């Protein structure tokens, strides 16, 4: 899946995911559900392309290099 997405990073827009995050205070790891809203900042290196995401339990929008997170095993699409 990752090689195909590197050719077309925009393919993950509107996809739902689970994102692994580590709490910096206590080190607890949790998976958060969210949705990819759009490409925030394109980069010639697709792994560094940042996406705007919105989590189910949060009103704020966040920006992450999701393809790098997918490569690292910190993101899965649902």
PDB file of N, CA and C in Angstrom:
ATOM      1  N   UNK A   1       0.813  -1.190   0.000  1.00  0.00           N
ATOM      2  CA  UNK A   1       0.000   0.000   0.000  1.00  0.00           C
ATOM      3  C   UNK A   1       0.858   1.256   0.000  1.00  0.00           C
ATOM      4  N   UNK A   2       1.911   1.287   0.816  1.00  0.00           N
ATOM      5  CA  UNK A   2       2.732   2.488   0.930  1.00  0.00           C
ATOM      6  C   UNK A   2       3.355   2.906  -0.406  1.00  0.00           C
ATOM      7  N   UNK A   3       3.914   1.987  -1.212  1.00  0.00           N
ATOM      8  CA  UNK A   3       4.493   2.436  -2.488  1.00  0.00           C
ATOM      9  C   UNK A   3       3.477   3.144  -3.387  1.00  0.00           C
ATOM     10  N   UNK A   4       2.243   2.674  -3.389  1.00  0.00           N
ATOM     11  CA  UNK A   4       1.202   3.322  -4.197  1.00  0.00           C
ATOM     12  C   UNK A   4       0.889   4.715  -3.671  1.00  0.00           C
ATOM     13  N   UNK A   5       0.860   4.860  -2.352  1.00  0.00           N
ATOM     14  CA  UNK A   5       0.549   6.158  -1.757  1.00  0.00           C
ATOM     15  C   UNK A   5       1.679   7.154  -1.945  1.00  0.00           C
ATOM     16  N   UNK A   6       2.907   6.666  -2.030  1.00  0.00           N
ATOM     17  CA  UNK A   6       4.037   7.568  -2.283  1.00  0.00           C
ATOM     18  C   UNK A   6       3.927   8.193  -3.667  1.00  0.00           C
ATOM     19  N   UNK A   7       3.324   7.469  -4.607  1.00  0.00           N
ATOM     20  CA  UNK A   7       3.117   8.003  -5.955  1.00  0.00           C
ATOM     21  C   UNK A   7       1.961   8.995  -5.999  1.00  0.00           C
ATOM     22  N   UNK A   8       0.999   8.817  -5.104  1.00  0.00           N
ATOM     23  CA  UNK A   8      -0.179   9.684  -5.086  1.00  0.00           C
ATOM     24  C   UNK A   8      -0.620   9.937  -3.641  1.00  0.00           C
ATOM     25  N   UNK A   9       0.096  10.801  -2.911  1.00  0.00           N
ATOM     26  CA  UNK A   9      -0.227  11.048  -1.504  1.00  0.00           C
ATOM     27  C   UNK A   9      -1.655  11.532  -1.274  1.00  0.00           C
ATOM     28  N   UNK A  10      -2.226  12.241  -2.242  1.00  0.00           N
ATOM     29  CA  UNK A  10      -3.579  12.765  -2.079  1.00  0.00           C
ATOM     30  C   UNK A  10      -4.630  11.650  -1.969  1.00  0.00           C
ATOM     31  N   UNK A  11      -4.238  10.431  -2.278  1.00  0.00           N
ATOM     32  CA  UNK A  11      -5.170   9.300  -2.232  1.00  0.00           C
ATOM     33  C   UNK A  11      -5.676   9.014  -0.822  1.00  0.00           C
ATOM     34  N   UNK A  12      -5.015   9.546   0.211  1.00  0.00           N
ATOM     35  CA  UNK A  12      -5.478   9.266   1.572  1.00  0.00           C
ATOM     36  C   UNK A  12      -6.451  10.322   2.091  1.00  0.00           C
ATOM     37  N   UNK A  13      -6.673  11.386   1.325  1.00  0.00           N
ATOM     38  CA  UNK A  13      -7.626  12.420   1.736  1.00  0.00           C
ATOM     39  C   UNK A  13      -9.013  11.783   1.848  1.00  0.00           C
ATOM     40  N   UNK A  14      -9.718  12.109   2.904  1.00  0.00           N
ATOM     41  CA  UNK A  14     -11.052  11.596   3.246  1.00  0.00           C
ATOM     42  C   UNK A  14     -11.033  10.185   3.828  1.00  0.00           C
ATOM     43  N   UNK A  15      -9.862   9.609   4.044  1.00  0.00           N
ATOM     44  CA  UNK A  15      -9.783   8.267   4.623  1.00  0.00           C
ATOM     45  C   UNK A  15      -9.805   8.349   6.137  1.00  0.00           C
ATOM     46  N   UNK A  16     -10.428   7.357   6.761  1.00  0.00           N
ATOM     47  CA  UNK A  16     -10.446   7.248   8.220  1.00  0.00           C
ATOM     48  C   UNK A  16      -9.259   6.398   8.651  1.00  0.00           C
ATOM     49  N   UNK A  17      -8.756   6.692   9.848  1.00  0.00           N
ATOM     50  CA  UNK A  17      -7.545   6.025  10.313  1.00  0.00           C
ATOM     51  C   UNK A  17      -7.553   5.880  11.822  1.00  0.00           C
ATOM     52  N   UNK A  18      -6.574   5.110  12.309  1.00  0.00           N
ATOM     53  CA  UNK A  18      -6.203   5.073  13.723  1.00  0.00           C
ATOM     54  C   UNK A  18      -4.745   5.491  13.777  1.00  0.00           C
ATOM     55  N   UNK A  19      -4.436   6.422  14.687  1.00  0.00           N
ATOM     56  CA  UNK A  19      -3.099   7.017  14.780  1.00  0.00           C
ATOM     57  C   UNK A  19      -2.543   6.733  16.171  1.00  0.00           C
ATOM     58  N   UNK A  20      -1.375   6.144  16.222  1.00  0.00           N
ATOM     59  CA  UNK A  20      -0.741   5.831  17.504  1.00  0.00           C
ATOM     60  C   UNK A  20      -0.019   7.068  18.021  1.00  0.00           C
ATOM     61  N   UNK A  21      -0.348   7.448  19.247  1.00  0.00           N
ATOM     62  CA  UNK A  21       0.265   8.622  19.867  1.00  0.00           C
ATOM     63  C   UNK A  21       0.751   8.264  21.260  1.00  0.00           C
ATOM     64  N   UNK A  22       1.880   8.855  21.626  1.00  0.00           N
ATOM     65  CA  UNK A  22       2.460   8.622  22.946  1.00  0.00           C
ATOM     66  C   UNK A  22       2.297   9.883  23.785  1.00  0.00           C
ATOM     67  N   UNK A  23       1.749   9.730  24.967  1.00  0.00           N
ATOM     68  CA  UNK A  23       1.584  10.843  25.892  1.00  0.00           C
ATOM     69  C   UNK A  23       2.968  11.247  26.393  1.00  0.00           C
ATOM     70  N   UNK A  24       3.396  12.505  26.154  1.00  0.00           N
ATOM     71  CA  UNK A  24       4.745  12.919  26.550  1.00  0.00           C
ATOM     72  C   UNK A  24       4.944  12.962  28.069  1.00  0.00           C
ATOM     73  N   UNK A  25       3.860  13.076  28.821  1.00  0.00           N
ATOM     74  CA  UNK A  25       3.985  13.176  30.270  1.00  0.00           C
ATOM     75  C   UNK A  25       4.176  11.827  30.956  1.00  0.00           C
ATOM     76  N   UNK A  26       3.388  10.817  30.521  1.00  0.00           N
ATOM     77  CA  UNK A  26       3.469   9.535  31.223  1.00  0.00           C
ATOM     78  C   UNK A  26       3.890   8.368  30.333  1.00  0.00           C
ATOM     79  N   UNK A  27       4.087   8.621  29.036  1.00  0.00           N
ATOM     80  CA  UNK A  27       4.561   7.583  28.125  1.00  0.00           C
ATOM     81  C   UNK A  27       3.501   6.599  27.673  1.00  0.00           C
ATOM     82  N   UNK A  28       2.252   6.808  28.065  1.00  0.00           N
ATOM     83  CA  UNK A  28       1.163   5.926  27.664  1.00  0.00           C
ATOM     84  C   UNK A  28       0.937   6.027  26.159  1.00  0.00           C
ATOM     85  N   UNK A  29       0.747   4.873  25.517  1.00  0.00           N
ATOM     86  CA  UNK A  29       0.474   4.837  24.081  1.00  0.00           C
ATOM     87  C   UNK A  29      -1.004   4.546  23.869  1.00  0.00           C
ATOM     88  N   UNK A  30      -1.633   5.356  23.024  1.00  0.00           N
ATOM     89  CA  UNK A  30      -3.046   5.169  22.693  1.00  0.00           C
ATOM     90  C   UNK A  30      -3.235   5.333  21.190  1.00  0.00           C
ATOM     91  N   UNK A  31      -4.274   4.677  20.675  1.00  0.00           N
ATOM     92  CA  UNK A  31      -4.657   4.803  19.270  1.00  0.00           C
ATOM     93  C   UNK A  31      -5.887   5.700  19.195  1.00  0.00           C
ATOM     94  N   UNK A  32      -5.791   6.752  18.383  1.00  0.00           N
ATOM     95  CA  UNK A  32      -6.886   7.697  18.234  1.00  0.00           C
ATOM     96  C   UNK A  32      -7.481   7.596  16.832  1.00  0.00           C
ATOM     97  N   UNK A  33      -8.819   7.613  16.758  1.00  0.00           N
ATOM     98  CA  UNK A  33      -9.512   7.562  15.479  1.00  0.00           C
ATOM     99  C   UNK A  33      -9.632   8.961  14.897  1.00  0.00           C
ATOM    100  N   UNK A  34      -9.467   9.052  13.581  1.00  0.00           N
ATOM    101  CA  UNK A  34      -9.585  10.346  12.934  1.00  0.00           C
ATOM    102  C   UNK A  34      -9.831  10.212  11.444  1.00  0.00           C
ATOM    103  N   UNK A  35      -9.795  11.344  10.769  1.00  0.00           N
ATOM    104  CA  UNK A  35     -10.032  11.399   9.328  1.00  0.00           C
ATOM    105  C   UNK A  35      -9.064  12.399   8.707  1.00  0.00           C
ATOM    106  N   UNK A  36      -8.548  12.062   7.530  1.00  0.00           N
ATOM    107  CA  UNK A  36      -7.667  12.959   6.779  1.00  0.00           C
ATOM    108  C   UNK A  36      -8.552  13.983   6.069  1.00  0.00           C
ATOM    109  N   UNK A  37      -8.313  15.253   6.344  1.00  0.00           N
ATOM    110  CA  UNK A  37      -9.128  16.330   5.774  1.00  0.00           C
ATOM    111  C   UNK A  37      -8.578  16.789   4.418  1.00  0.00           C
ATOM    112  N   UNK A  38      -7.267  17.062   4.354  1.00  0.00           N
ATOM    113  CA  UNK A  38      -6.667  17.552   3.114  1.00  0.00           C
ATOM    114  C   UNK A  38      -5.143  17.519   3.241  1.00  0.00           C
ATOM    115  N   UNK A  39      -4.477  17.824   2.131  1.00  0.00           N
ATOM    116  CA  UNK A  39      -3.023  18.004   2.165  1.00  0.00           C
ATOM    117  C   UNK A  39      -2.775  19.399   2.730  1.00  0.00           C
ATOM    118  N   UNK A  40      -1.993  19.477   3.767  1.00  0.00           N
ATOM    119  CA  UNK A  40      -1.674  20.773   4.394  1.00  0.00           C
ATOM    120  C   UNK A  40      -0.464  21.405   3.717  1.00  0.00           C
ATOM    121  N   UNK A  41       0.601  20.614   3.537  1.00  0.00           N
ATOM    122  CA  UNK A  41       1.822  21.129   2.929  1.00  0.00           C
ATOM    123  C   UNK A  41       2.460  20.019   2.102  1.00  0.00           C
ATOM    124  N   UNK A  42       2.465  20.192   0.776  1.00  0.00           N
ATOM    125  CA  UNK A  42       3.074  19.220  -0.126  1.00  0.00           C
ATOM    126  C   UNK A  42       4.600  19.316  -0.036  1.00  0.00           C
ATOM    127  N   UNK A  43       5.249  18.163  -0.188  1.00  0.00           N
ATOM    128  CA  UNK A  43       6.703  18.111  -0.209  1.00  0.00           C
ATOM    129  C   UNK A  43       7.118  17.181  -1.340  1.00  0.00           C
ATOM    130  N   UNK A  44       8.222  17.479  -2.004  1.00  0.00           N
ATOM    131  CA  UNK A  44       8.707  16.595  -3.077  1.00  0.00           C
ATOM    132  C   UNK A  44       9.005  15.191  -2.564  1.00  0.00           C
ATOM    133  N   UNK A  45       9.342  15.082  -1.288  1.00  0.00           N
ATOM    134  CA  UNK A  45       9.493  13.787  -0.636  1.00  0.00           C
ATOM    135  C   UNK A  45       8.135  13.454  -0.011  1.00  0.00           C
ATOM    136  N   UNK A  46       7.364  12.523  -0.600  1.00  0.00           N
ATOM    137  CA  UNK A  46       6.013  12.249  -0.099  1.00  0.00           C
ATOM    138  C   UNK A  46       5.953  11.899   1.378  1.00  0.00           C
ATOM    139  N   UNK A  47       7.009  11.295   1.926  1.00  0.00           N
ATOM    140  CA  UNK A  47       7.007  10.967   3.349  1.00  0.00           C
ATOM    141  C   UNK A  47       6.972  12.210   4.227  1.00  0.00           C
ATOM    142  N   UNK A  48       7.353  13.347   3.665  1.00  0.00           N
ATOM    143  CA  UNK A  48       7.355  14.602   4.424  1.00  0.00           C
ATOM    144  C   UNK A  48       6.135  15.472   4.123  1.00  0.00           C
ATOM    145  N   UNK A  49       5.257  15.021   3.243  1.00  0.00           N
ATOM    146  CA  UNK A  49       4.025  15.753   2.959  1.00  0.00           C
ATOM    147  C   UNK A  49       3.170  15.750   4.216  1.00  0.00           C
ATOM    148  N   UNK A  50       2.692  16.922   4.620  1.00  0.00           N
ATOM    149  CA  UNK A  50       1.875  17.034   5.823  1.00  0.00           C
ATOM    150  C   UNK A  50       0.399  17.082   5.449  1.00  0.00           C
ATOM    151  N   UNK A  51      -0.394  16.391   6.246  1.00  0.00           N
ATOM    152  CA  UNK A  51      -1.836  16.327   6.031  1.00  0.00           C
ATOM    153  C   UNK A  51      -2.561  16.958   7.206  1.00  0.00           C
ATOM    154  N   UNK A  52      -3.693  17.569   6.915  1.00  0.00           N
ATOM    155  CA  UNK A  52      -4.565  18.084   7.958  1.00  0.00           C
ATOM    156  C   UNK A  52      -5.462  16.940   8.404  1.00  0.00           C
ATOM    157  N   UNK A  53      -5.507  16.692   9.715  1.00  0.00           N
ATOM    158  CA  UNK A  53      -6.347  15.614  10.243  1.00  0.00           C
ATOM    159  C   UNK A  53      -7.247  16.155  11.345  1.00  0.00           C
ATOM    160  N   UNK A  54      -8.351  15.460  11.527  1.00  0.00           N
ATOM    161  CA  UNK A  54      -9.290  15.784  12.598  1.00  0.00           C
ATOM    162  C   UNK A  54      -9.594  14.486  13.329  1.00  0.00           C
ATOM    163  N   UNK A  55      -9.425  14.527  14.649  1.00  0.00           N
ATOM    164  CA  UNK A  55      -9.693  13.352  15.475  1.00  0.00           C
ATOM    165  C   UNK A  55     -11.133  13.367  15.963  1.00  0.00           C
ATOM    166  N   UNK A  56     -11.689  12.176  16.165  1.00  0.00           N
ATOM    167  CA  UNK A  56     -13.086  12.059  16.576  1.00  0.00           C
ATOM    168  C   UNK A  56     -13.368  12.751  17.906  1.00  0.00           C
ATOM    169  N   UNK A  57     -12.430  12.726  18.818  1.00  0.00           N
ATOM    170  CA  UNK A  57     -12.670  13.275  20.157  1.00  0.00           C
ATOM    171  C   UNK A  57     -12.007  14.634  20.368  1.00  0.00           C
ATOM    172  N   UNK A  58     -11.736  15.356  19.281  1.00  0.00           N
ATOM    173  CA  UNK A  58     -11.038  16.635  19.380  1.00  0.00           C
ATOM    174  C   UNK A  58     -11.596  17.586  18.329  1.00  0.00           C
ATOM    175  N   UNK A  59     -11.827  18.823  18.709  1.00  0.00           N
ATOM    176  CA  UNK A  59     -12.360  19.808  17.769  1.00  0.00           C
ATOM    177  C   UNK A  59     -11.275  20.456  16.916  1.00  0.00           C
ATOM    178  N   UNK A  60     -10.021  20.388  17.374  1.00  0.00           N
ATOM    179  CA  UNK A  60      -8.925  21.035  16.659  1.00  0.00           C
ATOM    180  C   UNK A  60      -8.507  20.227  15.439  1.00  0.00           C
ATOM    181  N   UNK A  61      -7.869  20.911  14.491  1.00  0.00           N
ATOM    182  CA  UNK A  61      -7.244  20.240  13.355  1.00  0.00           C
ATOM    183  C   UNK A  61      -5.751  20.172  13.629  1.00  0.00           C
ATOM    184  N   UNK A  62      -5.132  19.063  13.199  1.00  0.00           N
ATOM    185  CA  UNK A  62      -3.719  18.814  13.432  1.00  0.00           C
ATOM    186  C   UNK A  62      -3.036  18.540  12.109  1.00  0.00           C
ATOM    187  N   UNK A  63      -1.704  18.669  12.077  1.00  0.00           N
ATOM    188  CA  UNK A  63      -0.925  18.488  10.849  1.00  0.00           C
ATOM    189  C   UNK A  63       0.183  17.472  11.106  1.00  0.00           C
ATOM    190  N   UNK A  64       0.198  16.413  10.281  1.00  0.00           N
ATOM    191  CA  UNK A  64       1.180  15.351  10.454  1.00  0.00           C
ATOM    192  C   UNK A  64       1.665  14.813   9.110  1.00  0.00           C
ATOM    193  N   UNK A  65       2.909  14.322   9.067  1.00  0.00           N
ATOM    194  CA  UNK A  65       3.407  13.606   7.878  1.00  0.00           C
ATOM    195  C   UNK A  65       2.925  12.152   7.956  1.00  0.00           C
ATOM    196  N   UNK A  66       1.678  11.921   7.566  1.00  0.00           N
ATOM    197  CA  UNK A  66       1.037  10.629   7.791  1.00  0.00           C
ATOM    198  C   UNK A  66       1.701   9.468   7.061  1.00  0.00           C
ATOM    199  N   UNK A  67       2.275   9.705   5.890  1.00  0.00           N
ATOM    200  CA  UNK A  67       2.909   8.590   5.177  1.00  0.00           C
ATOM    201  C   UNK A  67       4.146   8.107   5.931  1.00  0.00           C
ATOM    202  N   UNK A  68       4.843   9.016   6.592  1.00  0.00           N
ATOM    203  CA  UNK A  68       5.969   8.606   7.429  1.00  0.00           C
ATOM    204  C   UNK A  68       5.462   7.821   8.631  1.00  0.00           C
ATOM    205  N   UNK A  69       4.362   8.265   9.208  1.00  0.00           N
ATOM    206  CA  UNK A  69       3.775   7.539  10.335  1.00  0.00           C
ATOM    207  C   UNK A  69       3.303   6.152   9.903  1.00  0.00           C
ATOM    208  N   UNK A  70       2.739   6.054   8.705  1.00  0.00           N
ATOM    209  CA  UNK A  70       2.325   4.755   8.172  1.00  0.00           C
ATOM    210  C   UNK A  70       3.534   3.842   8.010  1.00  0.00           C
ATOM    211  N   UNK A  71       4.602   4.382   7.466  1.00  0.00           N
ATOM    212  CA  UNK A  71       5.842   3.624   7.278  1.00  0.00           C
ATOM    213  C   UNK A  71       6.394   3.133   8.617  1.00  0.00           C
ATOM    214  N   UNK A  72       6.259   3.953   9.664  1.00  0.00           N
ATOM    215  CA  UNK A  72       6.780   3.621  10.992  1.00  0.00           C
ATOM    216  C   UNK A  72       5.858   2.689  11.781  1.00  0.00           C
ATOM    217  N   UNK A  73       4.671   2.390  11.236  1.00  0.00           N
ATOM    218  CA  UNK A  73       3.719   1.537  11.941  1.00  0.00           C
ATOM    219  C   UNK A  73       2.863   2.275  12.945  1.00  0.00           C
ATOM    220  N   UNK A  74       2.830   3.617  12.853  1.00  0.00           N
ATOM    221  CA  UNK A  74       2.077   4.428  13.800  1.00  0.00           C
ATOM    222  C   UNK A  74       0.717   4.872  13.250  1.00  0.00           C
ATOM    223  N   UNK A  75       0.334   4.354  12.084  1.00  0.00           N
ATOM    224  CA  UNK A  75      -0.924   4.745  11.455  1.00  0.00           C
ATOM    225  C   UNK A  75      -1.474   3.539  10.726  1.00  0.00           C
ATOM    226  N   UNK A  76      -2.794   3.346  10.835  1.00  0.00           N
ATOM    227  CA  UNK A  76      -3.450   2.321  10.026  1.00  0.00           C
ATOM    228  C   UNK A  76      -4.801   2.852   9.571  1.00  0.00           C
ATOM    229  N   UNK A  77      -5.131   2.526   8.334  1.00  0.00           N
ATOM    230  CA  UNK A  77      -6.415   2.963   7.787  1.00  0.00           C
ATOM    231  C   UNK A  77      -7.491   1.956   8.142  1.00  0.00           C
ATOM    232  N   UNK A  78      -8.688   2.469   8.406  1.00  0.00           N
ATOM    233  CA  UNK A  78      -9.808   1.594   8.789  1.00  0.00           C
ATOM    234  C   UNK A  78     -10.937   1.708   7.782  1.00  0.00           C
TER     235      UNK A  78
END
